[in-house]
Structure formats: structure tokens, C-alpha cells
Amino acid sequence: MGAILQALGVGAAVLLPVMVIVIIAGYVAVNRGEALAHAAAGHDGGHAEVAASAGGPQIPFVPDRDPNVLEILGLAVVLFTLVMGGLLGFSILSQM
């Protein structure tokens, strides 16, 4: 039972900073997109300065088409496989 709790603790110690980084990156991305959308729409709410200082394009990116479910599912499978392969490799290297 002690080994299981130790493994869970190590997993939590690895995933907690990753989740914090993901949440911060998502927050920043949403705020930047909101500022760019307000600047593109011509609103003057103080967001134009933020959009100009962001260094990105003044017009938000609009894709030509929406991705379908199979494309998203394929990307998720690829990313999951890469992450699990990386964790397996890390586990093998840590046992040597």
C-alpha cells in the first residue's frame, strides 16, 4: 500500500505544476483573444492598447473551416500516445 501512495504522490507532484501552467496559459490566451476581438470590432474600452502591445496581428485568426470530430479525435489519440510513450520512456530510464 505504501508503494501505491508513493506513486500517487509522485504523479501528483508532476501533474500539479503542469496543470497550473495550463490554467495560466489558458487564462492569458482567453484574455488576449478577447482584447484582439474588441480591437477588431472597434470598441474603445482600453482593450486596443492591450491588443497593440500583444505584438500579434490586429485581426484575429479565423480558420477556413471547422475541424471535424475525427480530426480532433485523431489529434487526441496522437497526443495521448506521445505522452504515454514519454512517460514509459521516463519510467524505463529511471529504473536503470
PDB file of N, CA and C in Angstrom:
ATOM      1  N   MET A   1       0.822  -1.195   0.000  1.00  0.00           N
ATOM      2  CA  MET A   1       0.000   0.000   0.000  1.00  0.00           C
ATOM      3  C   MET A   1       0.863   1.254   0.000  1.00  0.00           C
ATOM      4  N   GLY A   2       2.022   1.185   0.650  1.00  0.00           N
ATOM      5  CA  GLY A   2       2.911   2.342   0.704  1.00  0.00           C
ATOM      6  C   GLY A   2       3.462   2.717  -0.659  1.00  0.00           C
ATOM      7  N   ALA A   3       3.719   1.701  -1.508  1.00  0.00           N
ATOM      8  CA  ALA A   3       4.245   1.979  -2.848  1.00  0.00           C
ATOM      9  C   ALA A   3       3.201   2.668  -3.713  1.00  0.00           C
ATOM     10  N   ILE A   4       1.943   2.289  -3.528  1.00  0.00           N
ATOM     11  CA  ILE A   4       0.872   2.917  -4.304  1.00  0.00           C
ATOM     12  C   ILE A   4       0.724   4.380  -3.909  1.00  0.00           C
ATOM     13  N   LEU A   5       0.745   4.661  -2.629  1.00  0.00           N
ATOM     14  CA  LEU A   5       0.634   6.052  -2.180  1.00  0.00           C
ATOM     15  C   LEU A   5       1.837   6.875  -2.629  1.00  0.00           C
ATOM     16  N   GLN A   6       3.012   6.254  -2.612  1.00  0.00           N
ATOM     17  CA  GLN A   6       4.205   6.958  -3.080  1.00  0.00           C
ATOM     18  C   GLN A   6       4.088   7.265  -4.572  1.00  0.00           C
ATOM     19  N   ALA A   7       3.592   6.312  -5.362  1.00  0.00           N
ATOM     20  CA  ALA A   7       3.406   6.538  -6.798  1.00  0.00           C
ATOM     21  C   ALA A   7       2.380   7.636  -7.047  1.00  0.00           C
ATOM     22  N   LEU A   8       1.296   7.628  -6.291  1.00  0.00           N
ATOM     23  CA  LEU A   8       0.289   8.677  -6.435  1.00  0.00           C
ATOM     24  C   LEU A   8       0.856  10.047  -6.064  1.00  0.00           C
ATOM     25  N   GLY A   9       1.687  10.079  -5.042  1.00  0.00           N
ATOM     26  CA  GLY A   9       2.310  11.341  -4.646  1.00  0.00           C
ATOM     27  C   GLY A   9       3.258  11.870  -5.704  1.00  0.00           C
ATOM     28  N   VAL A  10       4.024  10.972  -6.308  1.00  0.00           N
ATOM     29  CA  VAL A  10       4.941  11.397  -7.372  1.00  0.00           C
ATOM     30  C   VAL A  10       4.146  11.891  -8.575  1.00  0.00           C
ATOM     31  N   GLY A  11       3.090  11.176  -8.923  1.00  0.00           N
ATOM     32  CA  GLY A  11       2.246  11.604 -10.043  1.00  0.00           C
ATOM     33  C   GLY A  11       1.621  12.967  -9.790  1.00  0.00           C
ATOM     34  N   ALA A  12       1.152  13.177  -8.575  1.00  0.00           N
ATOM     35  CA  ALA A  12       0.560  14.473  -8.235  1.00  0.00           C
ATOM     36  C   ALA A  12       1.611  15.574  -8.262  1.00  0.00           C
ATOM     37  N   ALA A  13       2.819  15.249  -7.807  1.00  0.00           N
ATOM     38  CA  ALA A  13       3.888  16.259  -7.809  1.00  0.00           C
ATOM     39  C   ALA A  13       4.279  16.641  -9.224  1.00  0.00           C
ATOM     40  N   VAL A  14       4.162  15.722 -10.162  1.00  0.00           N
ATOM     41  CA  VAL A  14       4.492  16.022 -11.558  1.00  0.00           C
ATOM     42  C   VAL A  14       3.344  16.773 -12.232  1.00  0.00           C
ATOM     43  N   LEU A  15       2.120  16.350 -11.972  1.00  0.00           N
ATOM     44  CA  LEU A  15       0.976  16.917 -12.689  1.00  0.00           C
ATOM     45  C   LEU A  15       0.508  18.264 -12.145  1.00  0.00           C
ATOM     46  N   LEU A  16       0.740  18.549 -10.885  1.00  0.00           N
ATOM     47  CA  LEU A  16       0.271  19.810 -10.312  1.00  0.00           C
ATOM     48  C   LEU A  16       0.894  21.025 -10.996  1.00  0.00           C
ATOM     49  N   PRO A  17       2.226  21.097 -11.170  1.00  0.00           N
ATOM     50  CA  PRO A  17       2.774  22.259 -11.878  1.00  0.00           C
ATOM     51  C   PRO A  17       2.328  22.330 -13.334  1.00  0.00           C
ATOM     52  N   VAL A  18       2.134  21.171 -13.954  1.00  0.00           N
ATOM     53  CA  VAL A  18       1.665  21.164 -15.341  1.00  0.00           C
ATOM     54  C   VAL A  18       0.270  21.770 -15.418  1.00  0.00           C
ATOM     55  N   MET A  19      -0.602  21.391 -14.507  1.00  0.00           N
ATOM     56  CA  MET A  19      -1.953  21.935 -14.514  1.00  0.00           C
ATOM     57  C   MET A  19      -1.969  23.434 -14.217  1.00  0.00           C
ATOM     58  N   VAL A  20      -1.113  23.888 -13.330  1.00  0.00           N
ATOM     59  CA  VAL A  20      -1.019  25.321 -13.047  1.00  0.00           C
ATOM     60  C   VAL A  20      -0.586  26.077 -14.299  1.00  0.00           C
ATOM     61  N   ILE A  21       0.400  25.548 -15.013  1.00  0.00           N
ATOM     62  CA  ILE A  21       0.873  26.192 -16.242  1.00  0.00           C
ATOM     63  C   ILE A  21      -0.231  26.212 -17.296  1.00  0.00           C
ATOM     64  N   VAL A  22      -0.979  25.112 -17.431  1.00  0.00           N
ATOM     65  CA  VAL A  22      -2.069  25.049 -18.411  1.00  0.00           C
ATOM     66  C   VAL A  22      -3.151  26.060 -18.073  1.00  0.00           C
ATOM     67  N   ILE A  23      -3.496  26.194 -16.810  1.00  0.00           N
ATOM     68  CA  ILE A  23      -4.536  27.148 -16.409  1.00  0.00           C
ATOM     69  C   ILE A  23      -4.083  28.579 -16.669  1.00  0.00           C
ATOM     70  N   ILE A  24      -2.837  28.893 -16.341  1.00  0.00           N
ATOM     71  CA  ILE A  24      -2.325  30.248 -16.579  1.00  0.00           C
ATOM     72  C   ILE A  24      -2.265  30.547 -18.077  1.00  0.00           C
ATOM     73  N   ALA A  25      -1.791  29.592 -18.872  1.00  0.00           N
ATOM     74  CA  ALA A  25      -1.711  29.795 -20.320  1.00  0.00           C
ATOM     75  C   ALA A  25      -3.104  29.976 -20.915  1.00  0.00           C
ATOM     76  N   GLY A  26      -4.074  29.211 -20.446  1.00  0.00           N
ATOM     77  CA  GLY A  26      -5.443  29.372 -20.930  1.00  0.00           C
ATOM     78  C   GLY A  26      -6.020  30.720 -20.572  1.00  0.00           C
ATOM     79  N   TYR A  27      -5.762  31.173 -19.365  1.00  0.00           N
ATOM     80  CA  TYR A  27      -6.252  32.478 -18.932  1.00  0.00           C
ATOM     81  C   TYR A  27      -5.660  33.596 -19.795  1.00  0.00           C
ATOM     82  N   VAL A  28      -4.348  33.517 -20.027  1.00  0.00           N
ATOM     83  CA  VAL A  28      -3.686  34.538 -20.843  1.00  0.00           C
ATOM     84  C   VAL A  28      -4.203  34.500 -22.278  1.00  0.00           C
ATOM     85  N   ALA A  29      -4.388  33.305 -22.833  1.00  0.00           N
ATOM     86  CA  ALA A  29      -4.867  33.182 -24.208  1.00  0.00           C
ATOM     87  C   ALA A  29      -6.286  33.732 -24.360  1.00  0.00           C
ATOM     88  N   VAL A  30      -7.135  33.453 -23.398  1.00  0.00           N
ATOM     89  CA  VAL A  30      -8.508  33.957 -23.471  1.00  0.00           C
ATOM     90  C   VAL A  30      -8.525  35.477 -23.366  1.00  0.00           C
ATOM     91  N   ASN A  31      -7.752  36.033 -22.456  1.00  0.00           N
ATOM     92  CA  ASN A  31      -7.715  37.493 -22.326  1.00  0.00           C
ATOM     93  C   ASN A  31      -7.151  38.149 -23.576  1.00  0.00           C
ATOM     94  N   ARG A  32      -6.116  37.547 -24.168  1.00  0.00           N
ATOM     95  CA  ARG A  32      -5.535  38.114 -25.385  1.00  0.00           C
ATOM     96  C   ARG A  32      -6.533  38.033 -26.541  1.00  0.00           C
ATOM     97  N   GLY A  33      -7.216  36.899 -26.675  1.00  0.00           N
ATOM     98  CA  GLY A  33      -8.221  36.772 -27.726  1.00  0.00           C
ATOM     99  C   GLY A  33      -9.361  37.755 -27.545  1.00  0.00           C
ATOM    100  N   GLU A  34      -9.762  37.954 -26.312  1.00  0.00           N
ATOM    101  CA  GLU A  34     -10.820  38.927 -26.033  1.00  0.00           C
ATOM    102  C   GLU A  34     -10.369  40.337 -26.396  1.00  0.00           C
ATOM    103  N   ALA A  35      -9.140  40.670 -26.059  1.00  0.00           N
ATOM    104  CA  ALA A  35      -8.623  42.000 -26.387  1.00  0.00           C
ATOM    105  C   ALA A  35      -8.524  42.193 -27.891  1.00  0.00           C
ATOM    106  N   LEU A  36      -8.082  41.160 -28.602  1.00  0.00           N
ATOM    107  CA  LEU A  36      -7.994  41.261 -30.061  1.00  0.00           C
ATOM    108  C   LEU A  36      -9.377  41.357 -30.696  1.00  0.00           C
ATOM    109  N   ALA A  37     -10.354  40.637 -30.152  1.00  0.00           N
ATOM    110  CA  ALA A  37     -11.706  40.697 -30.690  1.00  0.00           C
ATOM    111  C   ALA A  37     -12.306  42.081 -30.482  1.00  0.00           C
ATOM    112  N   HIS A  38     -12.068  42.674 -29.305  1.00  0.00           N
ATOM    113  CA  HIS A  38     -12.584  44.024 -29.058  1.00  0.00           C
ATOM    114  C   HIS A  38     -11.882  45.047 -29.959  1.00  0.00           C
ATOM    115  N   ALA A  39     -10.602  44.878 -30.179  1.00  0.00           N
ATOM    116  CA  ALA A  39      -9.873  45.807 -31.035  1.00  0.00           C
ATOM    117  C   ALA A  39     -10.331  45.680 -32.481  1.00  0.00           C
ATOM    118  N   ALA A  40     -10.593  44.467 -32.931  1.00  0.00           N
ATOM    119  CA  ALA A  40     -11.037  44.263 -34.313  1.00  0.00           C
ATOM    120  C   ALA A  40     -12.454  44.790 -34.520  1.00  0.00           C
ATOM    121  N   ALA A  41     -13.273  44.730 -33.458  1.00  0.00           N
ATOM    122  CA  ALA A  41     -14.643  45.214 -33.568  1.00  0.00           C
ATOM    123  C   ALA A  41     -14.715  46.733 -33.455  1.00  0.00           C
ATOM    124  N   GLY A  42     -13.630  47.371 -33.052  1.00  0.00           N
ATOM    125  CA  GLY A  42     -13.606  48.827 -32.964  1.00  0.00           C
ATOM    126  C   GLY A  42     -14.092  49.376 -31.645  1.00  0.00           C
ATOM    127  N   HIS A  43     -14.183  48.553 -30.625  1.00  0.00           N
ATOM    128  CA  HIS A  43     -14.602  49.045 -29.312  1.00  0.00           C
ATOM    129  C   HIS A  43     -13.454  49.778 -28.657  1.00  0.00           C
ATOM    130  N   ASP A  44     -13.761  50.845 -27.984  1.00  0.00           N
ATOM    131  CA  ASP A  44     -12.752  51.581 -27.235  1.00  0.00           C
ATOM    132  C   ASP A  44     -13.009  51.395 -25.751  1.00  0.00           C
ATOM    133  N   GLY A  45     -12.546  50.309 -25.216  1.00  0.00           N
ATOM    134  CA  GLY A  45     -12.710  50.050 -23.805  1.00  0.00           C
ATOM    135  C   GLY A  45     -11.370  49.877 -23.129  1.00  0.00           C
ATOM    136  N   GLY A  46     -10.302  50.387 -23.778  1.00  0.00           N
ATOM    137  CA  GLY A  46      -8.982  50.200 -23.229  1.00  0.00           C
ATOM    138  C   GLY A  46      -8.339  48.912 -23.701  1.00  0.00           C
ATOM    139  N   HIS A  47      -9.041  48.134 -24.490  1.00  0.00           N
ATOM    140  CA  HIS A  47      -8.506  46.865 -24.958  1.00  0.00           C
ATOM    141  C   HIS A  47      -7.622  47.046 -26.188  1.00  0.00           C
ATOM    142  N   ALA A  48      -7.761  48.143 -26.900  1.00  0.00           N
ATOM    143  CA  ALA A  48      -6.955  48.352 -28.103  1.00  0.00           C
ATOM    144  C   ALA A  48      -5.477  48.460 -27.748  1.00  0.00           C
ATOM    145  N   GLU A  49      -5.182  49.095 -26.621  1.00  0.00           N
ATOM    146  CA  GLU A  49      -3.785  49.198 -26.211  1.00  0.00           C
ATOM    147  C   GLU A  49      -3.219  47.831 -25.865  1.00  0.00           C
ATOM    148  N   VAL A  50      -4.037  46.987 -25.247  1.00  0.00           N
ATOM    149  CA  VAL A  50      -3.585  45.638 -24.900  1.00  0.00           C
ATOM    150  C   VAL A  50      -3.334  44.841 -26.159  1.00  0.00           C
ATOM    151  N   ALA A  51      -4.216  44.962 -27.147  1.00  0.00           N
ATOM    152  CA  ALA A  51      -4.043  44.221 -28.395  1.00  0.00           C
ATOM    153  C   ALA A  51      -2.816  44.709 -29.146  1.00  0.00           C
ATOM    154  N   ALA A  52      -2.577  46.013 -29.115  1.00  0.00           N
ATOM    155  CA  ALA A  52      -1.410  46.550 -29.810  1.00  0.00           C
ATOM    156  C   ALA A  52      -0.126  46.138 -29.110  1.00  0.00           C
ATOM    157  N   SER A  53      -0.160  46.054 -27.790  1.00  0.00           N
ATOM    158  CA  SER A  53       1.049  45.676 -27.059  1.00  0.00           C
ATOM    159  C   SER A  53       1.283  44.178 -27.085  1.00  0.00           C
ATOM    160  N   ALA A  54       0.282  43.398 -27.487  1.00  0.00           N
ATOM    161  CA  ALA A  54       0.439  41.949 -27.524  1.00  0.00           C
ATOM    162  C   ALA A  54       1.401  41.520 -28.613  1.00  0.00           C
ATOM    163  N   GLY A  55       1.617  42.367 -29.607  1.00  0.00           N
ATOM    164  CA  GLY A  55       2.569  42.062 -30.656  1.00  0.00           C
ATOM    165  C   GLY A  55       2.019  41.138 -31.728  1.00  0.00           C
ATOM    166  N   GLY A  56       0.800  40.699 -31.600  1.00  0.00           N
ATOM    167  CA  GLY A  56       0.210  39.792 -32.574  1.00  0.00           C
ATOM    168  C   GLY A  56      -0.509  40.573 -33.665  1.00  0.00           C
ATOM    169  N   PRO A  57      -1.171  39.864 -34.542  1.00  0.00           N
ATOM    170  CA  PRO A  57      -1.923  40.533 -35.599  1.00  0.00           C
ATOM    171  C   PRO A  57      -3.113  41.297 -35.020  1.00  0.00           C
ATOM    172  N   GLN A  58      -3.505  42.322 -35.693  1.00  0.00           N
ATOM    173  CA  GLN A  58      -4.621  43.128 -35.228  1.00  0.00           C
ATOM    174  C   GLN A  58      -5.959  42.489 -35.546  1.00  0.00           C
ATOM    175  N   ILE A  59      -5.989  41.557 -36.509  1.00  0.00           N
ATOM    176  CA  ILE A  59      -7.220  40.860 -36.860  1.00  0.00           C
ATOM    177  C   ILE A  59      -7.107  39.437 -36.341  1.00  0.00           C
ATOM    178  N   PRO A  60      -8.087  38.974 -35.586  1.00  0.00           N
ATOM    179  CA  PRO A  60      -7.988  37.614 -35.047  1.00  0.00           C
ATOM    180  C   PRO A  60      -8.019  36.575 -36.159  1.00  0.00           C
ATOM    181  N   PHE A  61      -7.353  35.460 -35.927  1.00  0.00           N
ATOM    182  CA  PHE A  61      -7.292  34.381 -36.903  1.00  0.00           C
ATOM    183  C   PHE A  61      -8.640  33.703 -37.001  1.00  0.00           C
ATOM    184  N   VAL A  62      -9.127  33.545 -38.206  1.00  0.00           N
ATOM    185  CA  VAL A  62     -10.368  32.830 -38.454  1.00  0.00           C
ATOM    186  C   VAL A  62     -10.042  31.686 -39.404  1.00  0.00           C
ATOM    187  N   PRO A  63     -10.181  30.438 -38.973  1.00  0.00           N
ATOM    188  CA  PRO A  63      -9.851  29.322 -39.854  1.00  0.00           C
ATOM    189  C   PRO A  63     -10.823  29.232 -41.026  1.00  0.00           C
ATOM    190  N   ASP A  64     -10.368  28.607 -42.103  1.00  0.00           N
ATOM    191  CA  ASP A  64     -11.215  28.451 -43.283  1.00  0.00           C
ATOM    192  C   ASP A  64     -12.399  27.533 -43.008  1.00  0.00           C
ATOM    193  N   ARG A  65     -12.167  26.534 -42.169  1.00  0.00           N
ATOM    194  CA  ARG A  65     -13.232  25.592 -41.853  1.00  0.00           C
ATOM    195  C   ARG A  65     -13.047  25.102 -40.425  1.00  0.00           C
ATOM    196  N   ASP A  66     -14.101  24.557 -39.867  1.00  0.00           N
ATOM    197  CA  ASP A  66     -14.033  23.970 -38.532  1.00  0.00           C
ATOM    198  C   ASP A  66     -13.515  22.542 -38.636  1.00  0.00           C
ATOM    199  N   PRO A  67     -12.684  22.134 -37.704  1.00  0.00           N
ATOM    200  CA  PRO A  67     -12.234  20.731 -37.733  1.00  0.00           C
ATOM    201  C   PRO A  67     -13.395  19.806 -37.372  1.00  0.00           C
ATOM    202  N   ASN A  68     -13.402  18.634 -38.004  1.00  0.00           N
ATOM    203  CA  ASN A  68     -14.477  17.701 -37.672  1.00  0.00           C
ATOM    204  C   ASN A  68     -14.069  16.847 -36.476  1.00  0.00           C
ATOM    205  N   VAL A  69     -15.002  16.027 -36.029  1.00  0.00           N
ATOM    206  CA  VAL A  69     -14.790  15.243 -34.818  1.00  0.00           C
ATOM    207  C   VAL A  69     -13.649  14.248 -34.998  1.00  0.00           C
ATOM    208  N   LEU A  70     -13.539  13.631 -36.164  1.00  0.00           N
ATOM    209  CA  LEU A  70     -12.487  12.638 -36.388  1.00  0.00           C
ATOM    210  C   LEU A  70     -11.098  13.268 -36.350  1.00  0.00           C
ATOM    211  N   GLU A  71     -10.957  14.490 -36.844  1.00  0.00           N
ATOM    212  CA  GLU A  71      -9.663  15.182 -36.765  1.00  0.00           C
ATOM    213  C   GLU A  71      -9.280  15.465 -35.312  1.00  0.00           C
ATOM    214  N   ILE A  72     -10.221  15.923 -34.542  1.00  0.00           N
ATOM    215  CA  ILE A  72      -9.955  16.208 -33.129  1.00  0.00           C
ATOM    216  C   ILE A  72      -9.635  14.920 -32.381  1.00  0.00           C
ATOM    217  N   LEU A  73     -10.398  13.868 -32.665  1.00  0.00           N
ATOM    218  CA  LEU A  73     -10.148  12.580 -32.027  1.00  0.00           C
ATOM    219  C   LEU A  73      -8.783  12.031 -32.414  1.00  0.00           C
ATOM    220  N   GLY A  74      -8.402  12.169 -33.681  1.00  0.00           N
ATOM    221  CA  GLY A  74      -7.086  11.713 -34.127  1.00  0.00           C
ATOM    222  C   GLY A  74      -5.969  12.471 -33.428  1.00  0.00           C
ATOM    223  N   LEU A  75      -6.123  13.775 -33.313  1.00  0.00           N
ATOM    224  CA  LEU A  75      -5.119  14.577 -32.610  1.00  0.00           C
ATOM    225  C   LEU A  75      -5.024  14.168 -31.143  1.00  0.00           C
ATOM    226  N   ALA A  76      -6.158  13.905 -30.521  1.00  0.00           N
ATOM    227  CA  ALA A  76      -6.153  13.482 -29.122  1.00  0.00           C
ATOM    228  C   ALA A  76      -5.445  12.141 -28.964  1.00  0.00           C
ATOM    229  N   VAL A  77      -5.675  11.215 -29.895  1.00  0.00           N
ATOM    230  CA  VAL A  77      -5.016   9.905 -29.820  1.00  0.00           C
ATOM    231  C   VAL A  77      -3.512  10.059 -29.997  1.00  0.00           C
ATOM    232  N   VAL A  78      -3.103  10.894 -30.945  1.00  0.00           N
ATOM    233  CA  VAL A  78      -1.671  11.108 -31.171  1.00  0.00           C
ATOM    234  C   VAL A  78      -1.016  11.733 -29.939  1.00  0.00           C
ATOM    235  N   LEU A  79      -1.636  12.757 -29.382  1.00  0.00           N
ATOM    236  CA  LEU A  79      -1.074  13.406 -28.202  1.00  0.00           C
ATOM    237  C   LEU A  79      -1.039  12.455 -27.004  1.00  0.00           C
ATOM    238  N   PHE A  80      -2.085  11.681 -26.830  1.00  0.00           N
ATOM    239  CA  PHE A  80      -2.111  10.718 -25.731  1.00  0.00           C
ATOM    240  C   PHE A  80      -1.001   9.689 -25.893  1.00  0.00           C
ATOM    241  N   THR A  81      -0.810   9.207 -27.126  1.00  0.00           N
ATOM    242  CA  THR A  81       0.237   8.222 -27.390  1.00  0.00           C
ATOM    243  C   THR A  81       1.614   8.813 -27.124  1.00  0.00           C
ATOM    244  N   LEU A  82       1.831  10.054 -27.534  1.00  0.00           N
ATOM    245  CA  LEU A  82       3.123  10.690 -27.287  1.00  0.00           C
ATOM    246  C   LEU A  82       3.392  10.865 -25.792  1.00  0.00           C
ATOM    247  N   VAL A  83       2.385  11.281 -25.057  1.00  0.00           N
ATOM    248  CA  VAL A  83       2.565  11.487 -23.618  1.00  0.00           C
ATOM    249  C   VAL A  83       2.815  10.158 -22.919  1.00  0.00           C
ATOM    250  N   MET A  84       2.039   9.143 -23.256  1.00  0.00           N
ATOM    251  CA  MET A  84       2.224   7.839 -22.611  1.00  0.00           C
ATOM    252  C   MET A  84       3.573   7.237 -22.997  1.00  0.00           C
ATOM    253  N   GLY A  85       3.998   7.411 -24.249  1.00  0.00           N
ATOM    254  CA  GLY A  85       5.322   6.931 -24.659  1.00  0.00           C
ATOM    255  C   GLY A  85       6.424   7.650 -23.910  1.00  0.00           C
ATOM    256  N   GLY A  86       6.264   8.958 -23.712  1.00  0.00           N
ATOM    257  CA  GLY A  86       7.251   9.721 -22.945  1.00  0.00           C
ATOM    258  C   GLY A  86       7.314   9.270 -21.501  1.00  0.00           C
ATOM    259  N   LEU A  87       6.153   9.033 -20.904  1.00  0.00           N
ATOM    260  CA  LEU A  87       6.130   8.546 -19.522  1.00  0.00           C
ATOM    261  C   LEU A  87       6.737   7.150 -19.412  1.00  0.00           C
ATOM    262  N   LEU A  88       6.470   6.292 -20.397  1.00  0.00           N
ATOM    263  CA  LEU A  88       7.060   4.961 -20.385  1.00  0.00           C
ATOM    264  C   LEU A  88       8.576   5.044 -20.515  1.00  0.00           C
ATOM    265  N   GLY A  89       9.041   5.902 -21.426  1.00  0.00           N
ATOM    266  CA  GLY A  89      10.489   6.086 -21.576  1.00  0.00           C
ATOM    267  C   GLY A  89      11.125   6.636 -20.319  1.00  0.00           C
ATOM    268  N   PHE A  90      10.471   7.582 -19.688  1.00  0.00           N
ATOM    269  CA  PHE A  90      10.980   8.137 -18.436  1.00  0.00           C
ATOM    270  C   PHE A  90      11.033   7.059 -17.353  1.00  0.00           C
ATOM    271  N   SER A  91       9.998   6.235 -17.301  1.00  0.00           N
ATOM    272  CA  SER A  91       9.967   5.165 -16.319  1.00  0.00           C
ATOM    273  C   SER A  91      11.096   4.164 -16.557  1.00  0.00           C
ATOM    274  N   ILE A  92      11.328   3.819 -17.800  1.00  0.00           N
ATOM    275  CA  ILE A  92      12.397   2.871 -18.121  1.00  0.00           C
ATOM    276  C   ILE A  92      13.756   3.470 -17.783  1.00  0.00           C
ATOM    277  N   LEU A  93      13.943   4.745 -18.126  1.00  0.00           N
ATOM    278  CA  LEU A  93      15.228   5.381 -17.822  1.00  0.00           C
ATOM    279  C   LEU A  93      15.456   5.534 -16.320  1.00  0.00           C
ATOM    280  N   SER A  94      14.396   5.747 -15.569  1.00  0.00           N
ATOM    281  CA  SER A  94      14.574   5.913 -14.123  1.00  0.00           C
ATOM    282  C   SER A  94      14.878   4.589 -13.428  1.00  0.00           C
ATOM    283  N   GLN A  95      14.561   3.464 -14.064  1.00  0.00           N
ATOM    284  CA  GLN A  95      14.837   2.167 -13.482  1.00  0.00           C
ATOM    285  C   GLN A  95      16.274   1.685 -13.735  1.00  0.00           C
ATOM    286  N   MET A  96      16.962   2.356 -14.646  1.00  0.00           N
ATOM    287  CA  MET A  96      18.328   1.939 -14.985  1.00  0.00           C
ATOM    288  C   MET A  96      19.329   2.452 -13.974  1.00  0.00           C
TER     289      MET A  96
END
